[in-house]
Amino acid sequence: MALEDRRGGLTPRTRQEDMVRGNSMKSTIYSGGILASAAIAIAATIAVAQEGPGAHVGLPDYSDYEMYLEVNRQNGTQVMRVYGNDIAMQGPGEDGRLADGAILIGEVYPALTDDDGNVITSELGRFIRGDLAAIAVMEKQDGWGADFSDELRNDDWDFNIFSAATGEPLDTDLDNCRACHAPLDDRDHVFSFQHIPGGLAAMAAAVMDGGGGM
């Protein structure tokens, strides 16, 4: 299922973006592993033909999720828009972690580049989004962490990445995602944790209590 079916149509391009495209500027897509902060509720997931770890993480209808962050990605070639479902946006509980059923979605866009392949940065210091390339999903459900070694375990979170064009899982090594998020125990393994309601306060409380151990 294409993204148009899930979000009610892609966000219209701005006039500035149309002008950039008219000047023969092109976009590039980073081909490495897509690392995202995202998650899903089982009731909203859509079954996908996939086996092994990650198979239970589907691509939900996230039309009613809240977008809480748009950011230039650290790889220097992409823009990400991050959405959370209602459980995620309730913020962390007393244990400093998001509840089971929390869902985060990361829409991945290539940054527009000029004719020399250099990423275009606006006067606001922001990359300009190209067309949606992939959708990363991070879902938390009770007991899922037991499937992984300590090095790849992210509490009970797991990951998947989908094609924006087809909605099918991409052929990506999801252990790259798991290994990248695993060290972030102080923020429930979510890079954008500070931007989720209550996330910044939860991290500050953890530091006052001696750090770690949330």
N, C-alpha and C. Protein backbone atom coordinates (compact mmCIF):
# COMPACT_ATOMS: atom_id res chain seq x y z
N MET A 1 0.84 -1.19 0.00
CA MET A 1 0.00 0.00 0.00
C MET A 1 0.88 1.24 0.00
N ALA A 2 0.63 2.15 -0.87
CA ALA A 2 1.45 3.34 -0.98
C ALA A 2 1.12 4.31 0.13
N LEU A 3 2.04 5.26 0.38
CA LEU A 3 1.86 6.20 1.46
C LEU A 3 0.63 7.05 1.26
N GLU A 4 0.27 7.35 -0.01
CA GLU A 4 -0.91 8.18 -0.24
C GLU A 4 -2.14 7.60 0.43
N ASP A 5 -2.19 6.25 0.54
CA ASP A 5 -3.33 5.59 1.16
C ASP A 5 -3.31 5.72 2.67
N ARG A 6 -2.14 6.03 3.24
CA ARG A 6 -2.00 6.05 4.70
C ARG A 6 -2.07 7.45 5.27
N ARG A 7 -1.61 8.44 4.53
CA ARG A 7 -1.58 9.81 5.04
C ARG A 7 -2.57 10.72 4.34
N GLY A 8 -3.40 10.17 3.44
CA GLY A 8 -4.37 10.99 2.76
C GLY A 8 -3.73 11.89 1.72
N GLY A 9 -2.62 11.46 1.14
CA GLY A 9 -1.93 12.25 0.12
C GLY A 9 -0.66 12.85 0.66
N LEU A 10 0.36 12.96 -0.18
CA LEU A 10 1.63 13.53 0.25
C LEU A 10 1.47 15.02 0.50
N THR A 11 2.31 15.56 1.37
CA THR A 11 2.27 16.98 1.64
C THR A 11 2.59 17.75 0.38
N PRO A 12 1.77 18.75 0.00
CA PRO A 12 2.03 19.50 -1.23
C PRO A 12 3.39 20.19 -1.18
N ARG A 13 4.07 20.23 -2.31
CA ARG A 13 5.35 20.90 -2.37
C ARG A 13 5.14 22.41 -2.24
N THR A 14 6.10 23.07 -1.64
CA THR A 14 6.04 24.52 -1.58
C THR A 14 6.48 25.11 -2.90
N ARG A 15 6.19 26.40 -3.10
CA ARG A 15 6.61 27.06 -4.34
C ARG A 15 8.12 27.04 -4.46
N GLN A 16 8.80 27.19 -3.32
CA GLN A 16 10.26 27.18 -3.34
C GLN A 16 10.78 25.84 -3.84
N GLU A 17 10.16 24.75 -3.39
CA GLU A 17 10.60 23.43 -3.83
C GLU A 17 10.36 23.24 -5.31
N ASP A 18 9.22 23.74 -5.83
CA ASP A 18 8.95 23.64 -7.25
C ASP A 18 9.97 24.41 -8.06
N MET A 19 10.38 25.59 -7.56
CA MET A 19 11.38 26.38 -8.25
C MET A 19 12.72 25.65 -8.30
N VAL A 20 13.06 25.00 -7.16
CA VAL A 20 14.32 24.25 -7.13
C VAL A 20 14.30 23.13 -8.14
N ARG A 21 13.17 22.40 -8.20
CA ARG A 21 13.07 21.32 -9.17
C ARG A 21 13.14 21.88 -10.60
N GLY A 22 12.56 23.07 -10.82
CA GLY A 22 12.57 23.66 -12.16
C GLY A 22 13.94 24.06 -12.62
N ASN A 23 14.84 24.24 -11.67
CA ASN A 23 16.21 24.61 -12.01
C ASN A 23 17.10 23.39 -12.13
N SER A 24 16.50 22.26 -12.44
CA SER A 24 17.18 20.99 -12.71
C SER A 24 17.98 20.47 -11.53
N MET A 25 17.56 20.84 -10.31
CA MET A 25 18.21 20.30 -9.14
C MET A 25 17.66 18.92 -8.87
N LYS A 26 18.51 18.05 -8.39
CA LYS A 26 18.10 16.66 -8.23
C LYS A 26 18.21 16.24 -6.79
N SER A 27 17.62 15.10 -6.47
CA SER A 27 17.70 14.56 -5.12
C SER A 27 18.43 13.23 -5.14
N THR A 28 19.07 12.94 -4.02
CA THR A 28 19.78 11.68 -3.88
C THR A 28 19.23 10.94 -2.69
N ILE A 29 19.29 9.61 -2.72
CA ILE A 29 18.77 8.79 -1.64
C ILE A 29 19.92 8.02 -1.01
N TYR A 30 20.07 8.20 0.29
CA TYR A 30 21.11 7.48 1.02
C TYR A 30 20.75 5.99 1.05
N SER A 31 21.68 5.14 0.64
CA SER A 31 21.37 3.73 0.45
C SER A 31 21.73 2.86 1.65
N GLY A 32 22.30 3.46 2.67
CA GLY A 32 22.68 2.66 3.82
C GLY A 32 21.49 2.33 4.70
N GLY A 33 21.76 1.73 5.87
CA GLY A 33 20.69 1.41 6.79
C GLY A 33 20.01 2.67 7.28
N ILE A 34 18.69 2.67 7.35
CA ILE A 34 17.93 3.83 7.78
C ILE A 34 17.63 3.65 9.26
N LEU A 35 18.20 4.56 10.10
CA LEU A 35 18.06 4.42 11.54
C LEU A 35 17.02 5.42 12.00
N ALA A 36 16.02 4.98 12.63
CA ALA A 36 14.91 5.85 12.95
C ALA A 36 14.38 5.59 14.33
N SER A 37 13.71 6.69 14.84
CA SER A 37 13.00 6.54 16.08
C SER A 37 11.52 6.41 15.73
N ALA A 38 10.92 5.16 15.74
CA ALA A 38 9.54 4.99 15.32
C ALA A 38 8.95 3.73 15.91
N ALA A 39 7.55 3.66 16.04
CA ALA A 39 6.93 2.49 16.67
C ALA A 39 5.47 2.30 16.27
N ILE A 40 4.81 1.11 16.58
CA ILE A 40 3.44 0.82 16.14
C ILE A 40 2.63 0.05 17.15
N ALA A 41 1.31 0.20 17.16
CA ALA A 41 0.42 -0.64 17.96
C ALA A 41 -0.05 -1.81 17.13
N ILE A 42 -0.09 -3.02 17.72
CA ILE A 42 -0.40 -4.22 16.95
C ILE A 42 -1.75 -4.12 16.27
N ALA A 43 -2.72 -3.53 16.93
CA ALA A 43 -4.07 -3.48 16.35
C ALA A 43 -4.10 -2.71 15.06
N ALA A 44 -3.13 -1.80 14.86
CA ALA A 44 -3.15 -0.96 13.66
C ALA A 44 -2.21 -1.47 12.58
N THR A 45 -1.44 -2.53 12.86
CA THR A 45 -0.46 -2.97 11.89
C THR A 45 -1.10 -3.68 10.72
N ILE A 46 -0.37 -3.69 9.61
CA ILE A 46 -0.83 -4.37 8.41
C ILE A 46 0.12 -5.51 8.14
N ALA A 47 -0.41 -6.71 7.91
CA ALA A 47 0.42 -7.90 7.75
C ALA A 47 1.31 -7.76 6.54
N VAL A 48 2.57 -8.21 6.68
CA VAL A 48 3.51 -8.18 5.58
C VAL A 48 4.13 -9.56 5.43
N ALA A 49 4.53 -9.88 4.21
CA ALA A 49 5.14 -11.18 3.94
C ALA A 49 6.62 -11.09 4.26
N GLN A 50 6.99 -11.46 5.47
CA GLN A 50 8.37 -11.34 5.91
C GLN A 50 8.57 -12.33 7.04
N GLU A 51 9.78 -12.86 7.18
CA GLU A 51 10.06 -13.83 8.23
C GLU A 51 11.19 -13.33 9.10
N GLY A 52 11.29 -13.91 10.30
CA GLY A 52 12.37 -13.58 11.20
C GLY A 52 12.08 -12.34 12.02
N PRO A 53 13.07 -11.92 12.86
CA PRO A 53 12.89 -10.73 13.69
C PRO A 53 12.49 -9.53 12.84
N GLY A 54 11.54 -8.78 13.32
CA GLY A 54 11.02 -7.64 12.57
C GLY A 54 9.76 -7.97 11.82
N ALA A 55 9.47 -9.27 11.64
CA ALA A 55 8.29 -9.67 10.87
C ALA A 55 7.01 -9.22 11.56
N HIS A 56 7.04 -9.09 12.89
CA HIS A 56 5.85 -8.67 13.60
C HIS A 56 5.68 -7.16 13.60
N VAL A 57 6.64 -6.42 13.06
CA VAL A 57 6.53 -4.96 12.98
C VAL A 57 6.00 -4.59 11.61
N GLY A 58 4.76 -4.17 11.54
CA GLY A 58 4.14 -3.81 10.27
C GLY A 58 4.05 -2.31 10.09
N LEU A 59 3.54 -1.93 8.94
CA LEU A 59 3.37 -0.51 8.62
C LEU A 59 1.92 -0.12 8.89
N PRO A 60 1.68 0.72 9.91
CA PRO A 60 0.31 1.05 10.28
C PRO A 60 -0.26 2.22 9.47
N ASP A 61 -1.55 2.41 9.58
CA ASP A 61 -2.17 3.65 9.13
C ASP A 61 -1.87 4.70 10.19
N TYR A 62 -0.98 5.64 9.88
CA TYR A 62 -0.58 6.62 10.88
C TYR A 62 -1.14 8.01 10.58
N SER A 63 -2.30 8.05 9.91
CA SER A 63 -2.88 9.33 9.53
C SER A 63 -3.28 10.19 10.73
N ASP A 64 -3.51 9.55 11.89
CA ASP A 64 -3.89 10.33 13.07
C ASP A 64 -2.74 10.45 14.08
N TYR A 65 -1.54 10.06 13.69
CA TYR A 65 -0.38 10.22 14.57
C TYR A 65 0.05 11.68 14.58
N GLU A 66 0.72 12.07 15.65
CA GLU A 66 1.19 13.46 15.78
C GLU A 66 2.63 13.57 15.27
N MET A 67 2.87 14.51 14.35
CA MET A 67 4.24 14.78 13.93
C MET A 67 4.88 15.72 14.95
N TYR A 68 5.95 15.27 15.60
CA TYR A 68 6.54 16.08 16.65
C TYR A 68 7.96 16.55 16.33
N LEU A 69 8.49 16.16 15.17
CA LEU A 69 9.86 16.57 14.87
C LEU A 69 10.13 16.45 13.37
N GLU A 70 10.76 17.48 12.80
CA GLU A 70 11.36 17.38 11.47
C GLU A 70 12.80 17.84 11.61
N VAL A 71 13.73 17.03 11.10
CA VAL A 71 15.14 17.28 11.40
C VAL A 71 16.02 16.89 10.23
N ASN A 72 17.12 17.65 10.04
CA ASN A 72 18.18 17.21 9.14
C ASN A 72 18.86 16.00 9.77
N ARG A 73 18.99 14.92 9.02
CA ARG A 73 19.60 13.72 9.60
C ARG A 73 21.11 13.87 9.70
N GLN A 74 21.68 13.15 10.65
CA GLN A 74 23.11 13.26 10.91
C GLN A 74 23.96 12.73 9.76
N ASN A 75 23.36 11.92 8.88
CA ASN A 75 24.14 11.43 7.74
C ASN A 75 24.39 12.52 6.70
N GLY A 76 23.73 13.68 6.88
CA GLY A 76 24.00 14.83 6.01
C GLY A 76 23.38 14.75 4.64
N THR A 77 22.50 13.77 4.41
CA THR A 77 21.91 13.60 3.08
C THR A 77 20.39 13.49 3.11
N GLN A 78 19.79 13.51 4.30
CA GLN A 78 18.36 13.21 4.41
C GLN A 78 17.66 14.14 5.39
N VAL A 79 16.35 14.18 5.23
CA VAL A 79 15.45 14.83 6.18
C VAL A 79 14.54 13.76 6.75
N MET A 80 14.26 13.85 8.05
CA MET A 80 13.32 12.90 8.65
C MET A 80 12.20 13.65 9.36
N ARG A 81 10.97 13.17 9.15
CA ARG A 81 9.81 13.64 9.89
C ARG A 81 9.37 12.50 10.81
N VAL A 82 9.20 12.80 12.10
CA VAL A 82 8.92 11.76 13.08
C VAL A 82 7.52 11.97 13.68
N TYR A 83 6.75 10.88 13.70
CA TYR A 83 5.38 10.88 14.21
C TYR A 83 5.27 9.90 15.37
N GLY A 84 4.35 10.17 16.30
CA GLY A 84 4.07 9.24 17.38
C GLY A 84 2.59 8.95 17.51
N ASN A 85 2.26 7.72 17.90
CA ASN A 85 0.85 7.41 18.15
C ASN A 85 0.44 7.96 19.51
N ASP A 86 -0.82 7.76 19.89
CA ASP A 86 -1.30 8.37 21.13
C ASP A 86 -0.59 7.81 22.36
N ILE A 87 -0.21 6.54 22.32
CA ILE A 87 0.50 5.96 23.46
C ILE A 87 1.87 6.60 23.61
N ALA A 88 2.59 6.75 22.52
CA ALA A 88 3.91 7.38 22.58
C ALA A 88 3.81 8.82 23.05
N MET A 89 2.81 9.54 22.56
CA MET A 89 2.71 10.96 22.87
C MET A 89 2.17 11.22 24.28
N GLN A 90 1.79 10.18 24.99
CA GLN A 90 1.48 10.33 26.42
C GLN A 90 2.76 10.52 27.22
N GLY A 91 3.90 10.21 26.59
CA GLY A 91 5.18 10.39 27.24
C GLY A 91 5.55 9.24 28.16
N PRO A 92 6.73 9.30 28.74
CA PRO A 92 7.20 8.20 29.60
C PRO A 92 6.45 8.13 30.91
N GLY A 93 6.38 6.91 31.46
CA GLY A 93 5.77 6.72 32.76
C GLY A 93 6.76 6.96 33.88
N GLU A 94 6.41 6.53 35.09
CA GLU A 94 7.28 6.75 36.24
C GLU A 94 8.63 6.06 36.10
N ASP A 95 8.68 5.01 35.27
CA ASP A 95 9.95 4.31 35.05
C ASP A 95 10.81 5.00 34.01
N GLY A 96 10.34 6.12 33.46
CA GLY A 96 11.12 6.86 32.47
C GLY A 96 11.07 6.27 31.08
N ARG A 97 10.13 5.36 30.82
CA ARG A 97 10.06 4.69 29.53
C ARG A 97 8.66 4.81 28.94
N LEU A 98 8.59 4.72 27.62
CA LEU A 98 7.30 4.71 26.95
C LEU A 98 6.61 3.37 27.17
N ALA A 99 5.30 3.39 27.14
CA ALA A 99 4.52 2.19 27.44
C ALA A 99 4.51 1.23 26.26
N ASP A 100 4.23 -0.04 26.54
CA ASP A 100 4.03 -1.02 25.47
C ASP A 100 2.91 -0.53 24.55
N GLY A 101 3.09 -0.74 23.27
CA GLY A 101 2.13 -0.25 22.28
C GLY A 101 2.51 1.09 21.71
N ALA A 102 3.59 1.70 22.23
CA ALA A 102 4.05 2.98 21.68
C ALA A 102 4.52 2.77 20.24
N ILE A 103 4.24 3.74 19.38
CA ILE A 103 4.61 3.65 17.98
C ILE A 103 5.23 4.96 17.53
N LEU A 104 6.35 4.89 16.88
CA LEU A 104 6.98 6.05 16.25
C LEU A 104 7.21 5.72 14.78
N ILE A 105 6.97 6.69 13.94
CA ILE A 105 7.15 6.55 12.50
C ILE A 105 8.17 7.57 12.04
N GLY A 106 9.15 7.16 11.26
CA GLY A 106 10.13 8.07 10.69
C GLY A 106 10.02 8.10 9.17
N GLU A 107 9.49 9.18 8.63
CA GLU A 107 9.46 9.35 7.17
C GLU A 107 10.82 9.85 6.72
N VAL A 108 11.43 9.16 5.77
CA VAL A 108 12.79 9.49 5.32
C VAL A 108 12.73 10.09 3.92
N TYR A 109 13.26 11.29 3.79
CA TYR A 109 13.29 12.00 2.51
C TYR A 109 14.74 12.30 2.14
N PRO A 110 15.11 12.14 0.87
CA PRO A 110 16.43 12.61 0.44
C PRO A 110 16.43 14.13 0.43
N ALA A 111 17.54 14.72 0.79
CA ALA A 111 17.69 16.17 0.68
C ALA A 111 17.97 16.54 -0.77
N LEU A 112 17.39 17.64 -1.23
CA LEU A 112 17.65 18.09 -2.59
C LEU A 112 19.11 18.51 -2.73
N THR A 113 19.66 18.25 -3.89
CA THR A 113 21.05 18.61 -4.18
C THR A 113 21.11 19.47 -5.44
N ASP A 114 22.22 20.19 -5.59
CA ASP A 114 22.42 20.99 -6.79
C ASP A 114 23.05 20.12 -7.88
N ASP A 115 23.39 20.75 -9.01
CA ASP A 115 23.92 20.00 -10.15
C ASP A 115 25.27 19.35 -9.86
N ASP A 116 25.96 19.83 -8.82
CA ASP A 116 27.25 19.25 -8.44
C ASP A 116 27.11 18.19 -7.36
N GLY A 117 25.88 17.90 -6.97
CA GLY A 117 25.65 16.88 -5.96
C GLY A 117 25.74 17.36 -4.53
N ASN A 118 25.84 18.68 -4.32
CA ASN A 118 25.92 19.22 -2.97
C ASN A 118 24.52 19.44 -2.41
N VAL A 119 24.33 19.05 -1.16
CA VAL A 119 23.03 19.22 -0.52
C VAL A 119 22.71 20.70 -0.38
N ILE A 120 21.49 21.08 -0.76
CA ILE A 120 21.05 22.46 -0.68
C ILE A 120 20.57 22.75 0.74
N THR A 121 21.08 23.82 1.32
CA THR A 121 20.64 24.25 2.65
C THR A 121 19.94 25.59 2.52
N SER A 122 18.75 25.70 3.09
CA SER A 122 18.00 26.95 3.01
C SER A 122 18.63 28.01 3.89
N GLU A 123 18.12 29.25 3.80
CA GLU A 123 18.63 30.33 4.63
C GLU A 123 18.35 30.09 6.11
N LEU A 124 17.47 29.15 6.40
CA LEU A 124 17.19 28.78 7.79
C LEU A 124 18.10 27.66 8.28
N GLY A 125 19.02 27.24 7.42
CA GLY A 125 19.94 26.17 7.80
C GLY A 125 19.32 24.79 7.72
N ARG A 126 18.22 24.65 6.99
CA ARG A 126 17.53 23.39 6.88
C ARG A 126 17.69 22.80 5.48
N PHE A 127 17.77 21.45 5.42
CA PHE A 127 17.73 20.79 4.13
C PHE A 127 16.33 20.94 3.54
N ILE A 128 16.25 20.83 2.22
CA ILE A 128 14.96 20.90 1.54
C ILE A 128 14.58 19.48 1.12
N ARG A 129 13.40 19.06 1.52
CA ARG A 129 12.98 17.68 1.29
C ARG A 129 12.73 17.40 -0.18
N GLY A 130 13.20 16.22 -0.63
CA GLY A 130 12.81 15.68 -1.91
C GLY A 130 11.57 14.83 -1.71
N ASP A 131 11.39 13.82 -2.55
CA ASP A 131 10.23 12.95 -2.45
C ASP A 131 10.45 11.87 -1.38
N LEU A 132 9.38 11.49 -0.75
CA LEU A 132 9.46 10.47 0.30
C LEU A 132 10.07 9.18 -0.24
N ALA A 133 11.08 8.65 0.47
CA ALA A 133 11.79 7.46 0.00
C ALA A 133 11.47 6.21 0.81
N ALA A 134 11.35 6.35 2.12
CA ALA A 134 11.16 5.17 2.97
C ALA A 134 10.45 5.57 4.25
N ILE A 135 9.87 4.57 4.92
CA ILE A 135 9.17 4.79 6.18
C ILE A 135 9.73 3.81 7.20
N ALA A 136 10.36 4.33 8.23
CA ALA A 136 10.94 3.50 9.28
C ALA A 136 9.96 3.40 10.45
N VAL A 137 9.87 2.22 11.03
CA VAL A 137 8.91 1.96 12.10
C VAL A 137 9.64 1.34 13.29
N MET A 138 9.30 1.83 14.46
CA MET A 138 9.85 1.30 15.71
C MET A 138 8.67 1.03 16.64
N GLU A 139 8.50 -0.21 17.04
CA GLU A 139 7.33 -0.62 17.83
C GLU A 139 7.76 -1.28 19.12
N LYS A 140 7.01 -1.06 20.17
CA LYS A 140 7.33 -1.63 21.49
C LYS A 140 6.18 -2.52 21.96
N GLN A 141 6.49 -3.78 22.19
CA GLN A 141 5.50 -4.73 22.71
C GLN A 141 6.15 -5.64 23.75
N ASP A 142 5.40 -5.99 24.75
CA ASP A 142 5.90 -6.78 25.87
C ASP A 142 6.53 -8.09 25.39
N GLY A 143 7.76 -8.35 25.80
CA GLY A 143 8.43 -9.61 25.54
C GLY A 143 9.24 -9.68 24.26
N TRP A 144 9.14 -8.69 23.39
CA TRP A 144 9.87 -8.76 22.12
C TRP A 144 11.38 -8.74 22.32
N GLY A 145 11.85 -8.09 23.36
CA GLY A 145 13.29 -8.00 23.56
C GLY A 145 13.95 -9.33 23.82
N ALA A 146 13.19 -10.32 24.25
CA ALA A 146 13.76 -11.63 24.55
C ALA A 146 14.30 -12.32 23.31
N ASP A 147 13.95 -11.84 22.12
CA ASP A 147 14.41 -12.46 20.88
C ASP A 147 15.85 -12.08 20.52
N PHE A 148 16.44 -11.13 21.26
CA PHE A 148 17.72 -10.57 20.84
C PHE A 148 18.80 -10.70 21.90
N SER A 149 20.04 -10.68 21.43
CA SER A 149 21.19 -10.67 22.33
C SER A 149 21.27 -9.33 23.04
N ASP A 150 22.08 -9.26 24.10
CA ASP A 150 22.23 -8.01 24.85
C ASP A 150 22.70 -6.88 23.95
N GLU A 151 23.56 -7.19 22.98
CA GLU A 151 24.12 -6.14 22.10
C GLU A 151 23.06 -5.55 21.17
N LEU A 152 22.02 -6.32 20.89
CA LEU A 152 21.00 -5.87 19.95
C LEU A 152 19.65 -5.60 20.61
N ARG A 153 19.57 -5.83 21.90
CA ARG A 153 18.29 -5.66 22.59
C ARG A 153 18.04 -4.18 22.88
N ASN A 154 16.83 -3.73 22.60
CA ASN A 154 16.39 -2.37 22.85
C ASN A 154 15.15 -2.40 23.75
N ASP A 155 15.36 -2.90 24.99
CA ASP A 155 14.22 -3.17 25.85
C ASP A 155 13.26 -4.06 25.06
N ASP A 156 12.02 -3.65 24.81
CA ASP A 156 11.10 -4.47 24.02
C ASP A 156 10.74 -3.81 22.69
N TRP A 157 11.59 -2.92 22.19
CA TRP A 157 11.40 -2.29 20.89
C TRP A 157 11.90 -3.23 19.78
N ASP A 158 11.29 -3.12 18.61
CA ASP A 158 11.87 -3.70 17.40
C ASP A 158 11.58 -2.78 16.23
N PHE A 159 12.18 -3.10 15.07
CA PHE A 159 12.26 -2.17 13.95
C PHE A 159 11.82 -2.82 12.65
N ASN A 160 11.44 -1.98 11.70
CA ASN A 160 11.27 -2.39 10.31
C ASN A 160 11.31 -1.14 9.44
N ILE A 161 11.58 -1.32 8.16
CA ILE A 161 11.68 -0.21 7.20
C ILE A 161 10.95 -0.60 5.93
N PHE A 162 10.13 0.31 5.43
CA PHE A 162 9.25 0.02 4.32
C PHE A 162 9.46 0.98 3.15
N SER A 163 9.21 0.48 1.96
CA SER A 163 9.23 1.32 0.77
C SER A 163 8.05 2.28 0.81
N ALA A 164 8.29 3.56 0.53
CA ALA A 164 7.20 4.52 0.47
C ALA A 164 6.32 4.28 -0.74
N ALA A 165 6.87 3.68 -1.79
CA ALA A 165 6.13 3.47 -3.03
C ALA A 165 5.18 2.29 -2.94
N THR A 166 5.61 1.22 -2.26
CA THR A 166 4.82 -0.02 -2.25
C THR A 166 4.29 -0.40 -0.88
N GLY A 167 4.87 0.13 0.18
CA GLY A 167 4.50 -0.28 1.53
C GLY A 167 5.08 -1.60 1.95
N GLU A 168 5.93 -2.21 1.10
CA GLU A 168 6.54 -3.49 1.42
C GLU A 168 7.86 -3.28 2.17
N PRO A 169 8.26 -4.24 3.02
CA PRO A 169 9.53 -4.10 3.73
C PRO A 169 10.71 -4.02 2.77
N LEU A 170 11.66 -3.16 3.08
CA LEU A 170 12.88 -3.07 2.29
C LEU A 170 13.85 -4.16 2.71
N ASP A 171 14.72 -4.55 1.80
CA ASP A 171 15.74 -5.56 2.08
C ASP A 171 16.89 -4.88 2.80
N THR A 172 16.73 -4.71 4.10
CA THR A 172 17.67 -3.96 4.92
C THR A 172 18.07 -4.79 6.13
N ASP A 173 19.32 -4.72 6.53
CA ASP A 173 19.78 -5.43 7.73
C ASP A 173 19.30 -4.65 8.95
N LEU A 174 18.23 -5.10 9.57
CA LEU A 174 17.64 -4.39 10.70
C LEU A 174 18.53 -4.43 11.94
N ASP A 175 19.53 -5.32 11.96
CA ASP A 175 20.46 -5.31 13.09
C ASP A 175 21.27 -4.02 13.14
N ASN A 176 21.42 -3.34 12.01
CA ASN A 176 22.07 -2.02 12.03
C ASN A 176 21.25 -1.05 12.86
N CYS A 177 19.92 -1.09 12.70
CA CYS A 177 19.04 -0.24 13.50
C CYS A 177 19.14 -0.60 14.98
N ARG A 178 19.07 -1.89 15.25
CA ARG A 178 19.09 -2.34 16.64
C ARG A 178 20.40 -1.96 17.34
N ALA A 179 21.51 -2.16 16.64
CA ALA A 179 22.82 -1.86 17.23
C ALA A 179 23.00 -0.36 17.47
N CYS A 180 22.41 0.46 16.60
CA CYS A 180 22.55 1.91 16.74
C CYS A 180 21.73 2.45 17.91
N HIS A 181 20.54 1.90 18.13
CA HIS A 181 19.67 2.37 19.19
C HIS A 181 19.98 1.73 20.54
N ALA A 182 20.60 0.55 20.54
CA ALA A 182 20.80 -0.21 21.78
C ALA A 182 21.52 0.57 22.89
N PRO A 183 22.55 1.40 22.59
CA PRO A 183 23.24 2.11 23.67
C PRO A 183 22.40 3.19 24.35
N LEU A 184 21.24 3.55 23.79
CA LEU A 184 20.48 4.69 24.29
C LEU A 184 19.52 4.30 25.41
N ASP A 185 20.01 3.55 26.36
CA ASP A 185 19.16 3.06 27.44
C ASP A 185 18.61 4.20 28.30
N ASP A 186 19.36 5.31 28.41
CA ASP A 186 18.93 6.41 29.25
C ASP A 186 17.77 7.21 28.65
N ARG A 187 17.42 6.90 27.39
CA ARG A 187 16.30 7.58 26.72
C ARG A 187 15.38 6.58 26.03
N ASP A 188 15.26 5.42 26.65
CA ASP A 188 14.39 4.35 26.15
C ASP A 188 14.70 3.99 24.70
N HIS A 189 15.97 4.12 24.31
CA HIS A 189 16.45 3.70 23.00
C HIS A 189 15.85 4.52 21.84
N VAL A 190 15.41 5.73 22.14
CA VAL A 190 14.77 6.59 21.14
C VAL A 190 15.60 7.86 20.98
N PHE A 191 16.13 8.11 19.79
CA PHE A 191 16.96 9.28 19.55
C PHE A 191 16.20 10.58 19.81
N SER A 192 14.93 10.61 19.46
CA SER A 192 14.14 11.84 19.59
C SER A 192 13.40 11.93 20.92
N PHE A 193 13.84 11.17 21.91
CA PHE A 193 13.14 11.06 23.19
C PHE A 193 12.91 12.42 23.84
N GLN A 194 13.89 13.32 23.75
CA GLN A 194 13.76 14.63 24.39
C GLN A 194 12.65 15.47 23.78
N HIS A 195 12.23 15.15 22.56
CA HIS A 195 11.18 15.90 21.88
C HIS A 195 9.79 15.34 22.14
N ILE A 196 9.71 14.18 22.77
CA ILE A 196 8.42 13.59 23.15
C ILE A 196 7.99 14.23 24.46
N PRO A 197 6.71 14.56 24.62
CA PRO A 197 6.26 15.16 25.88
C PRO A 197 6.73 14.38 27.11
N GLY A 198 7.40 15.09 28.02
CA GLY A 198 7.89 14.47 29.24
C GLY A 198 9.24 13.80 29.11
N GLY A 199 9.76 13.67 27.89
CA GLY A 199 11.03 12.97 27.69
C GLY A 199 12.21 13.70 28.31
N LEU A 200 12.28 15.01 28.13
CA LEU A 200 13.40 15.78 28.67
C LEU A 200 13.42 15.72 30.19
N ALA A 201 12.24 15.85 30.80
CA ALA A 201 12.15 15.79 32.26
C ALA A 201 12.54 14.41 32.77
N ALA A 202 12.15 13.36 32.05
CA ALA A 202 12.48 12.00 32.47
C ALA A 202 13.99 11.78 32.46
N MET A 203 14.67 12.31 31.43
CA MET A 203 16.12 12.17 31.37
C MET A 203 16.79 12.95 32.49
N ALA A 204 16.28 14.15 32.78
CA ALA A 204 16.85 14.95 33.86
C ALA A 204 16.68 14.25 35.20
N ALA A 205 15.53 13.62 35.41
CA ALA A 205 15.28 12.91 36.66
C ALA A 205 16.22 11.73 36.80
N ALA A 206 16.52 11.07 35.69
CA ALA A 206 17.43 9.92 35.72
C ALA A 206 18.82 10.35 36.13
N VAL A 207 19.27 11.51 35.63
CA VAL A 207 20.59 12.03 35.99
C VAL A 207 20.65 12.33 37.49
N MET A 208 19.59 12.94 38.01
CA MET A 208 19.55 13.26 39.43
C MET A 208 19.56 12.01 40.30
N ASP A 209 19.00 10.93 39.75
CA ASP A 209 18.96 9.66 40.50
C ASP A 209 20.23 8.85 40.35
N GLY A 210 21.19 9.38 39.59
CA GLY A 210 22.44 8.67 39.43
C GLY A 210 22.66 8.16 38.02
N GLY A 211 21.74 8.48 37.10
CA GLY A 211 21.93 8.12 35.70
C GLY A 211 21.58 6.68 35.42
N GLY A 212 21.55 6.36 34.13
CA GLY A 212 21.27 4.98 33.70
C GLY A 212 19.98 4.45 34.29
N GLY A 213 19.90 3.17 34.39
CA GLY A 213 18.91 2.44 35.16
C GLY A 213 17.44 2.81 35.04
N MET A 214 17.01 3.51 33.96
CA MET A 214 15.59 3.84 33.87
C MET A 214 14.80 2.63 33.41
